[in-house]
Amino acid sequence: MCSIKIESIVKEKNRMGECPVWEERENSLVYVDINSQKVCRWNSVTNEIQCVSVDARVGSVALRKSGGYVIALGTSFAFLNWKNRKVVTISEQELDKLNNRFNDGKVDPQGNFFAGTMAEETAPGVRARHQGALYTLFPDCSVVKQLDHVDISNGLDWSLDHRTFFHIDSLAYAVHAYSYDECTGRIGDCRTVYKMEKEEAMPDGMCIDVEGKLWVACIDGGRVIRIDPETGRRIQTVKMPVSRITSCCFGGKDYSEMYITSAYDGLNSAALAKEPQAGEIFKVTGLGVKGIPQYYFAG
């Protein structure tokens, strides 16, 4: 077993760091700070951080084949041009649900962008249930609703054979698998892959490795877990120095590094004193397994 090393690489703290994406063409990690309404990029060569402010909470960012990014912010899909910092709205959803916003998203093997919504809390611990949905933005900019009655649409990825879609609805405290049609981009039958243990708390972001195993970030569980979707068993736990672990992705020149985002929103002053690194972004090396490159939105 390799020895695992955890280091903080982005010390600029994020209120709600999320959706890390390795961008090979820029040698950079792209991510969002949802609650600060920012899309950011950390350059692994220069260590420089650049951010673009947007006008709503931004749940996710993904790479666009033609350059720049596709983002899900507020209840809209949009393109972000990094050079001129312009945001162009493509499509608006859920205009009737004023408390909803987009959350996690990712591009599928065919170049379609999947992103889901959730209801914001109206008071601490209080939110309307089953208000969210999962959508797919296709390269022609059409949008299809794939799932309804979701609580907090969160982590997502696809099996290596592209026949299964994995998805997390955080308040179900489980990872689910759906049949996935690569030709149409549509999802079908559902089964439960893994139910969270109590100490793992709530599942958040997720990614897959080259062995087809899933890595799940445990918000308020202070860890990332590796699960086998075939057996439904947890096979590894990586404990982190902060509790609010939000998402993970593989990156680096050979995709052997894992990048893990975290949050400090939701921690009181006593908790923050115990977690001076809350909100930072971490790099984990020595996991002994690699990830796969991110897919690009084809539109």
C-alpha atoms as a PDB file:
ATOM      1  CA  MET A   1       0.000   0.000   0.000  1.00  0.00           C
ATOM      2  CA  CYS A   2       1.324   3.442  -0.887  1.00  0.00           C
ATOM      3  CA  SER A   3       1.670   5.981   1.889  1.00  0.00           C
ATOM      4  CA  ILE A   4      -1.020   8.620   1.534  1.00  0.00           C
ATOM      5  CA  LYS A   5      -0.038  12.283   1.745  1.00  0.00           C
ATOM      6  CA  ILE A   6      -2.540  15.121   2.208  1.00  0.00           C
ATOM      7  CA  GLU A   7      -1.517  18.710   1.568  1.00  0.00           C
ATOM      8  CA  SER A   8      -3.404  21.983   1.277  1.00  0.00           C
ATOM      9  CA  ILE A   9      -2.823  23.555  -2.141  1.00  0.00           C
ATOM     10  CA  VAL A  10      -5.395  26.392  -2.120  1.00  0.00           C
ATOM     11  CA  LYS A  11      -5.220  28.275   1.151  1.00  0.00           C
ATOM     12  CA  GLU A  12      -7.674  30.972   0.069  1.00  0.00           C
ATOM     13  CA  LYS A  13     -10.645  29.672   2.013  1.00  0.00           C
ATOM     14  CA  ASN A  14     -13.930  28.889   0.282  1.00  0.00           C
ATOM     15  CA  ARG A  15     -17.272  29.401   1.967  1.00  0.00           C
ATOM     16  CA  MET A  16     -18.563  26.408  -0.004  1.00  0.00           C
ATOM     17  CA  GLY A  17     -15.837  25.047  -2.272  1.00  0.00           C
ATOM     18  CA  GLU A  18     -17.303  22.549  -4.745  1.00  0.00           C
ATOM     19  CA  CYS A  19     -17.134  20.826  -8.116  1.00  0.00           C
ATOM     20  CA  PRO A  20     -13.376  20.465  -8.682  1.00  0.00           C
ATOM     21  CA  VAL A  21     -12.507  19.755 -12.329  1.00  0.00           C
ATOM     22  CA  TRP A  22      -9.011  19.092 -13.633  1.00  0.00           C
ATOM     23  CA  GLU A  23      -8.378  21.065 -16.833  1.00  0.00           C
ATOM     24  CA  GLU A  24      -5.477  19.383 -18.582  1.00  0.00           C
ATOM     25  CA  ARG A  25      -5.078  22.061 -21.262  1.00  0.00           C
ATOM     26  CA  GLU A  26      -4.403  24.678 -18.548  1.00  0.00           C
ATOM     27  CA  ASN A  27      -2.592  22.454 -15.985  1.00  0.00           C
ATOM     28  CA  SER A  28      -5.216  23.839 -13.633  1.00  0.00           C
ATOM     29  CA  LEU A  29      -7.929  22.912 -11.183  1.00  0.00           C
ATOM     30  CA  VAL A  30     -11.223  24.670 -11.841  1.00  0.00           C
ATOM     31  CA  TYR A  31     -13.776  24.844  -9.010  1.00  0.00           C
ATOM     32  CA  VAL A  32     -16.605  26.954  -7.622  1.00  0.00           C
ATOM     33  CA  ASP A  33     -17.296  28.687  -4.340  1.00  0.00           C
ATOM     34  CA  ILE A  34     -21.068  28.402  -4.382  1.00  0.00           C
ATOM     35  CA  ASN A  35     -21.867  30.861  -1.609  1.00  0.00           C
ATOM     36  CA  SER A  36     -19.323  33.458  -2.722  1.00  0.00           C
ATOM     37  CA  GLN A  37     -20.760  33.256  -6.271  1.00  0.00           C
ATOM     38  CA  LYS A  38     -17.366  32.626  -7.866  1.00  0.00           C
ATOM     39  CA  VAL A  39     -15.783  30.317 -10.434  1.00  0.00           C
ATOM     40  CA  CYS A  40     -12.071  29.895  -9.701  1.00  0.00           C
ATOM     41  CA  ARG A  41      -8.999  28.376 -11.314  1.00  0.00           C
ATOM     42  CA  TRP A  42      -5.790  27.329  -9.552  1.00  0.00           C
ATOM     43  CA  ASN A  43      -2.759  26.957 -11.799  1.00  0.00           C
ATOM     44  CA  SER A  44      -0.633  24.024 -10.625  1.00  0.00           C
ATOM     45  CA  VAL A  45       2.483  25.418 -12.338  1.00  0.00           C
ATOM     46  CA  THR A  46       2.392  29.041 -11.123  1.00  0.00           C
ATOM     47  CA  ASN A  47       0.231  28.479  -7.999  1.00  0.00           C
ATOM     48  CA  GLU A  48      -1.838  31.478  -9.127  1.00  0.00           C
ATOM     49  CA  ILE A  49      -5.578  31.632  -8.359  1.00  0.00           C
ATOM     50  CA  GLN A  50      -7.931  33.522 -10.662  1.00  0.00           C
ATOM     51  CA  CYS A  51     -11.637  33.959  -9.964  1.00  0.00           C
ATOM     52  CA  VAL A  52     -14.623  35.249 -11.916  1.00  0.00           C
ATOM     53  CA  SER A  53     -17.579  36.577  -9.939  1.00  0.00           C
ATOM     54  CA  VAL A  54     -21.050  35.703 -11.227  1.00  0.00           C
ATOM     55  CA  ASP A  55     -24.443  37.096 -10.266  1.00  0.00           C
ATOM     56  CA  ALA A  56     -25.941  34.029  -8.558  1.00  0.00           C
ATOM     57  CA  ARG A  57     -24.850  31.032  -6.525  1.00  0.00           C
ATOM     58  CA  VAL A  58     -22.946  28.785  -8.924  1.00  0.00           C
ATOM     59  CA  GLY A  59     -23.370  25.068  -8.232  1.00  0.00           C
ATOM     60  CA  SER A  60     -21.101  23.564 -10.867  1.00  0.00           C
ATOM     61  CA  VAL A  61     -18.624  24.160 -13.650  1.00  0.00           C
ATOM     62  CA  ALA A  62     -17.505  21.910 -16.519  1.00  0.00           C
ATOM     63  CA  LEU A  63     -15.061  22.160 -19.399  1.00  0.00           C
ATOM     64  CA  ARG A  64     -16.273  23.262 -22.835  1.00  0.00           C
ATOM     65  CA  LYS A  65     -14.640  21.749 -25.897  1.00  0.00           C
ATOM     66  CA  SER A  66     -14.584  25.055 -27.766  1.00  0.00           C
ATOM     67  CA  GLY A  67     -12.929  26.809 -24.808  1.00  0.00           C
ATOM     68  CA  GLY A  68     -14.169  28.303 -21.574  1.00  0.00           C
ATOM     69  CA  TYR A  69     -16.742  26.604 -19.399  1.00  0.00           C
ATOM     70  CA  VAL A  70     -20.372  25.632 -19.023  1.00  0.00           C
ATOM     71  CA  ILE A  71     -21.806  26.512 -15.619  1.00  0.00           C
ATOM     72  CA  ALA A  72     -25.009  25.964 -13.678  1.00  0.00           C
ATOM     73  CA  LEU A  73     -25.851  29.035 -11.619  1.00  0.00           C
ATOM     74  CA  GLY A  74     -29.048  30.093  -9.919  1.00  0.00           C
ATOM     75  CA  THR A  75     -31.545  28.088 -11.956  1.00  0.00           C
ATOM     76  CA  SER A  76     -29.815  28.700 -15.298  1.00  0.00           C
ATOM     77  CA  PHE A  77     -27.338  27.009 -17.577  1.00  0.00           C
ATOM     78  CA  ALA A  78     -24.751  29.404 -18.980  1.00  0.00           C
ATOM     79  CA  PHE A  79     -21.439  29.652 -20.809  1.00  0.00           C
ATOM     80  CA  LEU A  80     -18.511  31.374 -19.117  1.00  0.00           C
ATOM     81  CA  ASN A  81     -15.866  32.967 -21.339  1.00  0.00           C
ATOM     82  CA  TRP A  82     -12.759  33.043 -19.146  1.00  0.00           C
ATOM     83  CA  LYS A  83     -10.873  35.575 -21.274  1.00  0.00           C
ATOM     84  CA  ASN A  84     -13.464  38.350 -21.152  1.00  0.00           C
ATOM     85  CA  ARG A  85     -15.241  37.086 -17.982  1.00  0.00           C
ATOM     86  CA  LYS A  86     -18.604  37.209 -19.739  1.00  0.00           C
ATOM     87  CA  VAL A  87     -21.486  34.914 -18.772  1.00  0.00           C
ATOM     88  CA  VAL A  88     -24.060  34.090 -21.450  1.00  0.00           C
ATOM     89  CA  THR A  89     -27.280  32.451 -20.263  1.00  0.00           C
ATOM     90  CA  ILE A  90     -28.388  29.497 -22.395  1.00  0.00           C
ATOM     91  CA  SER A  91     -31.462  28.180 -20.645  1.00  0.00           C
ATOM     92  CA  GLU A  92     -33.496  28.925 -17.517  1.00  0.00           C
ATOM     93  CA  GLN A  93     -35.242  26.256 -15.438  1.00  0.00           C
ATOM     94  CA  GLU A  94     -37.592  26.234 -12.451  1.00  0.00           C
ATOM     95  CA  LEU A  95     -38.574  29.888 -12.605  1.00  0.00           C
ATOM     96  CA  ASP A  96     -41.577  28.914 -10.452  1.00  0.00           C
ATOM     97  CA  LYS A  97     -39.312  27.681  -7.616  1.00  0.00           C
ATOM     98  CA  LEU A  98     -37.789  30.827  -6.186  1.00  0.00           C
ATOM     99  CA  ASN A  99     -35.900  28.977  -3.431  1.00  0.00           C
ATOM    100  CA  ASN A 100     -34.200  26.529  -5.768  1.00  0.00           C
ATOM    101  CA  ARG A 101     -30.723  26.638  -7.255  1.00  0.00           C
ATOM    102  CA  PHE A 102     -28.475  24.393  -9.289  1.00  0.00           C
ATOM    103  CA  ASN A 103     -26.001  22.231  -7.421  1.00  0.00           C
ATOM    104  CA  ASP A 104     -23.456  19.658  -8.664  1.00  0.00           C
ATOM    105  CA  GLY A 105     -22.958  18.886 -12.351  1.00  0.00           C
ATOM    106  CA  LYS A 106     -20.696  16.960 -14.728  1.00  0.00           C
ATOM    107  CA  VAL A 107     -20.316  16.189 -18.429  1.00  0.00           C
ATOM    108  CA  ASP A 108     -21.212  12.676 -19.633  1.00  0.00           C
ATOM    109  CA  PRO A 109     -19.143  10.548 -22.065  1.00  0.00           C
ATOM    110  CA  GLN A 110     -21.102  11.967 -25.012  1.00  0.00           C
ATOM    111  CA  GLY A 111     -20.464  15.620 -24.167  1.00  0.00           C
ATOM    112  CA  ASN A 112     -23.816  16.399 -22.504  1.00  0.00           C
ATOM    113  CA  PHE A 113     -23.866  18.412 -19.251  1.00  0.00           C
ATOM    114  CA  PHE A 114     -25.843  16.867 -16.376  1.00  0.00           C
ATOM    115  CA  ALA A 115     -26.686  19.139 -13.418  1.00  0.00           C
ATOM    116  CA  GLY A 116     -29.253  18.957 -10.644  1.00  0.00           C
ATOM    117  CA  THR A 117     -31.147  21.378  -8.446  1.00  0.00           C
ATOM    118  CA  MET A 118     -32.053  21.634  -4.779  1.00  0.00           C
ATOM    119  CA  ALA A 119     -34.115  23.811  -2.458  1.00  0.00           C
ATOM    120  CA  GLU A 120     -32.132  26.248  -0.336  1.00  0.00           C
ATOM    121  CA  GLU A 121     -32.727  26.271   3.415  1.00  0.00           C
ATOM    122  CA  THR A 122     -35.307  28.858   4.523  1.00  0.00           C
ATOM    123  CA  ALA A 123     -33.943  28.641   8.102  1.00  0.00           C
ATOM    124  CA  PRO A 124     -31.107  26.542   9.589  1.00  0.00           C
ATOM    125  CA  GLY A 125     -32.002  22.900   8.930  1.00  0.00           C
ATOM    126  CA  VAL A 126     -35.315  23.826   7.263  1.00  0.00           C
ATOM    127  CA  ARG A 127     -35.889  23.211   3.556  1.00  0.00           C
ATOM    128  CA  ALA A 128     -38.819  22.210   1.341  1.00  0.00           C
ATOM    129  CA  ARG A 129     -38.514  18.505   0.490  1.00  0.00           C
ATOM    130  CA  HIS A 130     -38.407  16.894  -2.960  1.00  0.00           C
ATOM    131  CA  GLN A 131     -38.227  20.222  -4.835  1.00  0.00           C
ATOM    132  CA  GLY A 132     -35.118  19.408  -6.869  1.00  0.00           C
ATOM    133  CA  ALA A 133     -34.582  17.728 -10.223  1.00  0.00           C
ATOM    134  CA  LEU A 134     -31.801  16.476 -12.484  1.00  0.00           C
ATOM    135  CA  TYR A 135     -31.401  18.001 -15.951  1.00  0.00           C
ATOM    136  CA  THR A 136     -29.296  17.366 -19.024  1.00  0.00           C
ATOM    137  CA  LEU A 137     -28.121  20.198 -21.260  1.00  0.00           C
ATOM    138  CA  PHE A 138     -27.401  18.799 -24.735  1.00  0.00           C
ATOM    139  CA  PRO A 139     -24.868  20.328 -27.180  1.00  0.00           C
ATOM    140  CA  ASP A 140     -27.725  21.862 -29.220  1.00  0.00           C
ATOM    141  CA  CYS A 141     -28.697  23.713 -25.992  1.00  0.00           C
ATOM    142  CA  SER A 142     -31.922  21.748 -25.529  1.00  0.00           C
ATOM    143  CA  VAL A 143     -32.646  20.642 -21.939  1.00  0.00           C
ATOM    144  CA  VAL A 144     -34.305  17.460 -20.674  1.00  0.00           C
ATOM    145  CA  LYS A 145     -35.461  16.756 -17.121  1.00  0.00           C
ATOM    146  CA  GLN A 146     -34.144  13.299 -16.144  1.00  0.00           C
ATOM    147  CA  LEU A 147     -35.283  13.010 -12.505  1.00  0.00           C
ATOM    148  CA  ASP A 148     -37.894  14.779 -10.391  1.00  0.00           C
ATOM    149  CA  HIS A 149     -38.685  14.966  -6.647  1.00  0.00           C
ATOM    150  CA  VAL A 150     -35.002  15.123  -5.705  1.00  0.00           C
ATOM    151  CA  ASP A 151     -33.946  16.692  -2.405  1.00  0.00           C
ATOM    152  CA  ILE A 152     -30.309  17.725  -2.959  1.00  0.00           C
ATOM    153  CA  SER A 153     -29.013  16.612  -6.347  1.00  0.00           C
ATOM    154  CA  ASN A 154     -25.325  16.021  -5.824  1.00  0.00           C
ATOM    155  CA  GLY A 155     -22.381  13.825  -6.919  1.00  0.00           C
ATOM    156  CA  LEU A 156     -22.526  12.094 -10.302  1.00  0.00           C
ATOM    157  CA  ASP A 157     -20.397  10.047 -12.690  1.00  0.00           C
ATOM    158  CA  TRP A 158     -20.569   7.261 -15.282  1.00  0.00           C
ATOM    159  CA  SER A 159     -19.275   3.688 -15.286  1.00  0.00           C
ATOM    160  CA  LEU A 160     -16.229   2.907 -17.399  1.00  0.00           C
ATOM    161  CA  ASP A 161     -18.355   0.971 -19.930  1.00  0.00           C
ATOM    162  CA  HIS A 162     -20.731   4.001 -20.160  1.00  0.00           C
ATOM    163  CA  ARG A 163     -23.767   1.835 -19.375  1.00  0.00           C
ATOM    164  CA  THR A 164     -24.436   3.073 -15.831  1.00  0.00           C
ATOM    165  CA  PHE A 165     -25.015   6.527 -14.373  1.00  0.00           C
ATOM    166  CA  PHE A 166     -24.221   7.001 -10.690  1.00  0.00           C
ATOM    167  CA  HIS A 167     -26.000   9.742  -8.741  1.00  0.00           C
ATOM    168  CA  ILE A 168     -26.273  11.021  -5.190  1.00  0.00           C
ATOM    169  CA  ASP A 169     -29.342  12.643  -3.677  1.00  0.00           C
ATOM    170  CA  SER A 170     -27.719  13.728  -0.422  1.00  0.00           C
ATOM    171  CA  LEU A 171     -30.785  13.394   1.826  1.00  0.00           C
ATOM    172  CA  ALA A 172     -31.258   9.771   0.702  1.00  0.00           C
ATOM    173  CA  TYR A 173     -27.872   9.067   2.360  1.00  0.00           C
ATOM    174  CA  ALA A 174     -27.048   6.679  -0.466  1.00  0.00           C
ATOM    175  CA  VAL A 175     -25.458   6.306  -3.886  1.00  0.00           C
ATOM    176  CA  HIS A 176     -27.811   5.161  -6.663  1.00  0.00           C
ATOM    177  CA  ALA A 177     -27.112   3.652 -10.077  1.00  0.00           C
ATOM    178  CA  TYR A 178     -29.297   4.123 -13.171  1.00  0.00           C
ATOM    179  CA  SER A 179     -29.105   2.435 -16.527  1.00  0.00           C
ATOM    180  CA  TYR A 180     -27.677   4.907 -19.031  1.00  0.00           C
ATOM    181  CA  ASP A 181     -28.169   4.989 -22.798  1.00  0.00           C
ATOM    182  CA  GLU A 182     -25.048   6.429 -24.389  1.00  0.00           C
ATOM    183  CA  CYS A 183     -26.841   7.107 -27.670  1.00  0.00           C
ATOM    184  CA  THR A 184     -29.667   9.201 -26.232  1.00  0.00           C
ATOM    185  CA  GLY A 185     -28.076  10.416 -22.981  1.00  0.00           C
ATOM    186  CA  ARG A 186     -31.180   9.249 -21.110  1.00  0.00           C
ATOM    187  CA  ILE A 187     -31.211   7.359 -17.797  1.00  0.00           C
ATOM    188  CA  GLY A 188     -33.510   4.488 -16.817  1.00  0.00           C
ATOM    189  CA  ASP A 189     -33.918   1.862 -14.085  1.00  0.00           C
ATOM    190  CA  CYS A 190     -32.558   2.646 -10.612  1.00  0.00           C
ATOM    191  CA  ARG A 191     -30.884   0.559  -7.918  1.00  0.00           C
ATOM    192  CA  THR A 192     -29.153   1.396  -4.636  1.00  0.00           C
ATOM    193  CA  VAL A 193     -25.380   0.931  -4.746  1.00  0.00           C
ATOM    194  CA  TYR A 194     -24.359   1.991  -1.249  1.00  0.00           C
ATOM    195  CA  LYS A 195     -26.006   3.232   1.956  1.00  0.00           C
ATOM    196  CA  MET A 196     -23.949   5.589   4.111  1.00  0.00           C
ATOM    197  CA  GLU A 197     -22.760   4.511   7.551  1.00  0.00           C
ATOM    198  CA  LYS A 198     -23.595   6.858  10.421  1.00  0.00           C
ATOM    199  CA  GLU A 199     -20.013   8.140  10.854  1.00  0.00           C
ATOM    200  CA  GLU A 200     -19.792   8.881   7.122  1.00  0.00           C
ATOM    201  CA  ALA A 201     -22.590  11.437   7.518  1.00  0.00           C
ATOM    202  CA  MET A 202     -23.989  12.846   4.253  1.00  0.00           C
ATOM    203  CA  PRO A 203     -22.745  12.038   0.729  1.00  0.00           C
ATOM    204  CA  ASP A 204     -21.803  15.015  -1.416  1.00  0.00           C
ATOM    205  CA  GLY A 205     -19.581  15.036  -4.542  1.00  0.00           C
ATOM    206  CA  MET A 206     -18.285  11.896  -6.264  1.00  0.00           C
ATOM    207  CA  CYS A 207     -15.864  10.670  -8.937  1.00  0.00           C
ATOM    208  CA  ILE A 208     -14.783   7.368 -10.498  1.00  0.00           C
ATOM    209  CA  ASP A 209     -11.301   5.838 -10.841  1.00  0.00           C
ATOM    210  CA  VAL A 210      -9.710   3.675 -13.554  1.00  0.00           C
ATOM    211  CA  GLU A 211     -10.762   0.526 -11.681  1.00  0.00           C
ATOM    212  CA  GLY A 212     -14.421   1.563 -11.800  1.00  0.00           C
ATOM    213  CA  LYS A 213     -14.623   2.286  -8.079  1.00  0.00           C
ATOM    214  CA  LEU A 214     -16.411   5.368  -6.765  1.00  0.00           C
ATOM    215  CA  TRP A 215     -14.956   7.987  -4.440  1.00  0.00           C
ATOM    216  CA  VAL A 216     -17.547   9.826  -2.357  1.00  0.00           C
ATOM    217  CA  ALA A 217     -16.948  13.035  -0.378  1.00  0.00           C
ATOM    218  CA  CYS A 218     -18.656  12.934   3.024  1.00  0.00           C
ATOM    219  CA  ILE A 219     -19.786  16.384   4.107  1.00  0.00           C
ATOM    220  CA  ASP A 220     -19.681  16.612   7.913  1.00  0.00           C
ATOM    221  CA  GLY A 221     -18.004  13.186   7.861  1.00  0.00           C
ATOM    222  CA  GLY A 222     -14.500  14.588   7.335  1.00  0.00           C
ATOM    223  CA  ARG A 223     -13.518  11.905   4.852  1.00  0.00           C
ATOM    224  CA  VAL A 224     -13.612  10.557   1.346  1.00  0.00           C
ATOM    225  CA  ILE A 225     -14.639   6.926   0.945  1.00  0.00           C
ATOM    226  CA  ARG A 226     -13.971   4.498  -1.898  1.00  0.00           C
ATOM    227  CA  ILE A 227     -16.791   2.106  -2.687  1.00  0.00           C
ATOM    228  CA  ASP A 228     -17.175  -0.826  -5.049  1.00  0.00           C
ATOM    229  CA  PRO A 229     -20.419  -0.320  -6.990  1.00  0.00           C
ATOM    230  CA  GLU A 230     -20.546  -4.038  -7.873  1.00  0.00           C
ATOM    231  CA  THR A 231     -20.467  -5.346  -4.297  1.00  0.00           C
ATOM    232  CA  GLY A 232     -21.859  -2.268  -2.519  1.00  0.00           C
ATOM    233  CA  ARG A 233     -18.941  -2.359  -0.062  1.00  0.00           C
ATOM    234  CA  ARG A 234     -16.694   0.400   1.183  1.00  0.00           C
ATOM    235  CA  ILE A 235     -13.085  -0.561   0.473  1.00  0.00           C
ATOM    236  CA  GLN A 236     -11.132   2.482   1.656  1.00  0.00           C
ATOM    237  CA  THR A 237     -11.502   5.565   3.855  1.00  0.00           C
ATOM    238  CA  VAL A 238      -9.285   8.645   3.615  1.00  0.00           C
ATOM    239  CA  LYS A 239      -9.763  10.865   6.691  1.00  0.00           C
ATOM    240  CA  MET A 240      -9.271  14.569   6.069  1.00  0.00           C
ATOM    241  CA  PRO A 241      -8.164  17.418   8.383  1.00  0.00           C
ATOM    242  CA  VAL A 242     -11.531  19.207   8.061  1.00  0.00           C
ATOM    243  CA  SER A 243     -15.115  18.020   8.514  1.00  0.00           C
ATOM    244  CA  ARG A 244     -16.990  19.702   5.650  1.00  0.00           C
ATOM    245  CA  ILE A 245     -15.568  17.737   2.727  1.00  0.00           C
ATOM    246  CA  THR A 246     -17.621  18.580  -0.346  1.00  0.00           C
ATOM    247  CA  SER A 247     -16.252  16.963  -3.522  1.00  0.00           C
ATOM    248  CA  CYS A 248     -13.321  15.248  -5.206  1.00  0.00           C
ATOM    249  CA  CYS A 249     -11.728  14.696  -8.600  1.00  0.00           C
ATOM    250  CA  PHE A 250      -8.573  13.162  -9.993  1.00  0.00           C
ATOM    251  CA  GLY A 251      -6.005  15.316 -11.759  1.00  0.00           C
ATOM    252  CA  GLY A 252      -2.346  16.065 -12.260  1.00  0.00           C
ATOM    253  CA  LYS A 253      -0.325  15.035 -15.264  1.00  0.00           C
ATOM    254  CA  ASP A 254      -1.159  11.320 -14.970  1.00  0.00           C
ATOM    255  CA  TYR A 255      -4.418  11.655 -12.973  1.00  0.00           C
ATOM    256  CA  SER A 256      -2.821  10.026  -9.926  1.00  0.00           C
ATOM    257  CA  GLU A 257      -3.559  13.000  -7.642  1.00  0.00           C
ATOM    258  CA  MET A 258      -6.917  13.564  -5.986  1.00  0.00           C
ATOM    259  CA  TYR A 259      -8.153  17.104  -5.406  1.00  0.00           C
ATOM    260  CA  ILE A 260     -10.657  17.592  -2.592  1.00  0.00           C
ATOM    261  CA  THR A 261     -12.748  20.706  -1.879  1.00  0.00           C
ATOM    262  CA  SER A 262     -14.115  21.784   1.486  1.00  0.00           C
ATOM    263  CA  ALA A 263     -16.308  24.442   3.097  1.00  0.00           C
ATOM    264  CA  TYR A 264     -16.307  26.644   6.157  1.00  0.00           C
ATOM    265  CA  ASP A 265     -19.921  27.841   5.930  1.00  0.00           C
ATOM    266  CA  GLY A 266     -21.963  25.876   8.457  1.00  0.00           C
ATOM    267  CA  LEU A 267     -19.225  25.838  11.101  1.00  0.00           C
ATOM    268  CA  ASN A 268     -19.586  27.959  14.239  1.00  0.00           C
ATOM    269  CA  SER A 269     -16.651  29.824  15.776  1.00  0.00           C
ATOM    270  CA  ALA A 270     -15.769  26.946  18.125  1.00  0.00           C
ATOM    271  CA  ALA A 271     -15.677  24.487  15.213  1.00  0.00           C
ATOM    272  CA  LEU A 272     -13.663  26.915  13.072  1.00  0.00           C
ATOM    273  CA  ALA A 273     -11.080  27.246  15.858  1.00  0.00           C
ATOM    274  CA  LYS A 274     -10.631  23.462  15.770  1.00  0.00           C
ATOM    275  CA  GLU A 275     -10.470  23.395  11.951  1.00  0.00           C
ATOM    276  CA  PRO A 276      -8.119  26.165  10.817  1.00  0.00           C
ATOM    277  CA  GLN A 277      -7.981  24.664   7.294  1.00  0.00           C
ATOM    278  CA  ALA A 278     -11.753  24.586   6.735  1.00  0.00           C
ATOM    279  CA  GLY A 279     -12.565  25.873   3.248  1.00  0.00           C
ATOM    280  CA  GLU A 280      -9.143  25.046   1.782  1.00  0.00           C
ATOM    281  CA  ILE A 281      -8.545  22.694  -1.169  1.00  0.00           C
ATOM    282  CA  PHE A 282      -6.405  19.622  -0.644  1.00  0.00           C
ATOM    283  CA  LYS A 283      -4.262  17.396  -2.853  1.00  0.00           C
ATOM    284  CA  VAL A 284      -4.003  13.720  -1.912  1.00  0.00           C
ATOM    285  CA  THR A 285      -1.184  11.606  -3.335  1.00  0.00           C
ATOM    286  CA  GLY A 286      -0.216   7.984  -2.797  1.00  0.00           C
ATOM    287  CA  LEU A 287      -3.710   6.531  -3.280  1.00  0.00           C
ATOM    288  CA  GLY A 288      -2.275   3.896  -5.636  1.00  0.00           C
ATOM    289  CA  VAL A 289      -5.020   4.396  -8.220  1.00  0.00           C
ATOM    290  CA  LYS A 290      -5.595   6.899 -11.016  1.00  0.00           C
ATOM    291  CA  GLY A 291      -8.647   8.703 -12.310  1.00  0.00           C
ATOM    292  CA  ILE A 292      -9.837   9.341 -15.839  1.00  0.00           C
ATOM    293  CA  PRO A 293      -9.804  12.669 -17.745  1.00  0.00           C
ATOM    294  CA  GLN A 294     -12.888  14.866 -17.565  1.00  0.00           C
ATOM    295  CA  TYR A 295     -15.256  14.914 -20.514  1.00  0.00           C
ATOM    296  CA  TYR A 296     -15.828  18.189 -22.409  1.00  0.00           C
ATOM    297  CA  PHE A 297     -19.219  19.716 -23.117  1.00  0.00           C
ATOM    298  CA  ALA A 298     -19.617  19.387 -26.890  1.00  0.00           C
ATOM    299  CA  GLY A 299     -21.715  22.514 -27.438  1.00  0.00           C
END
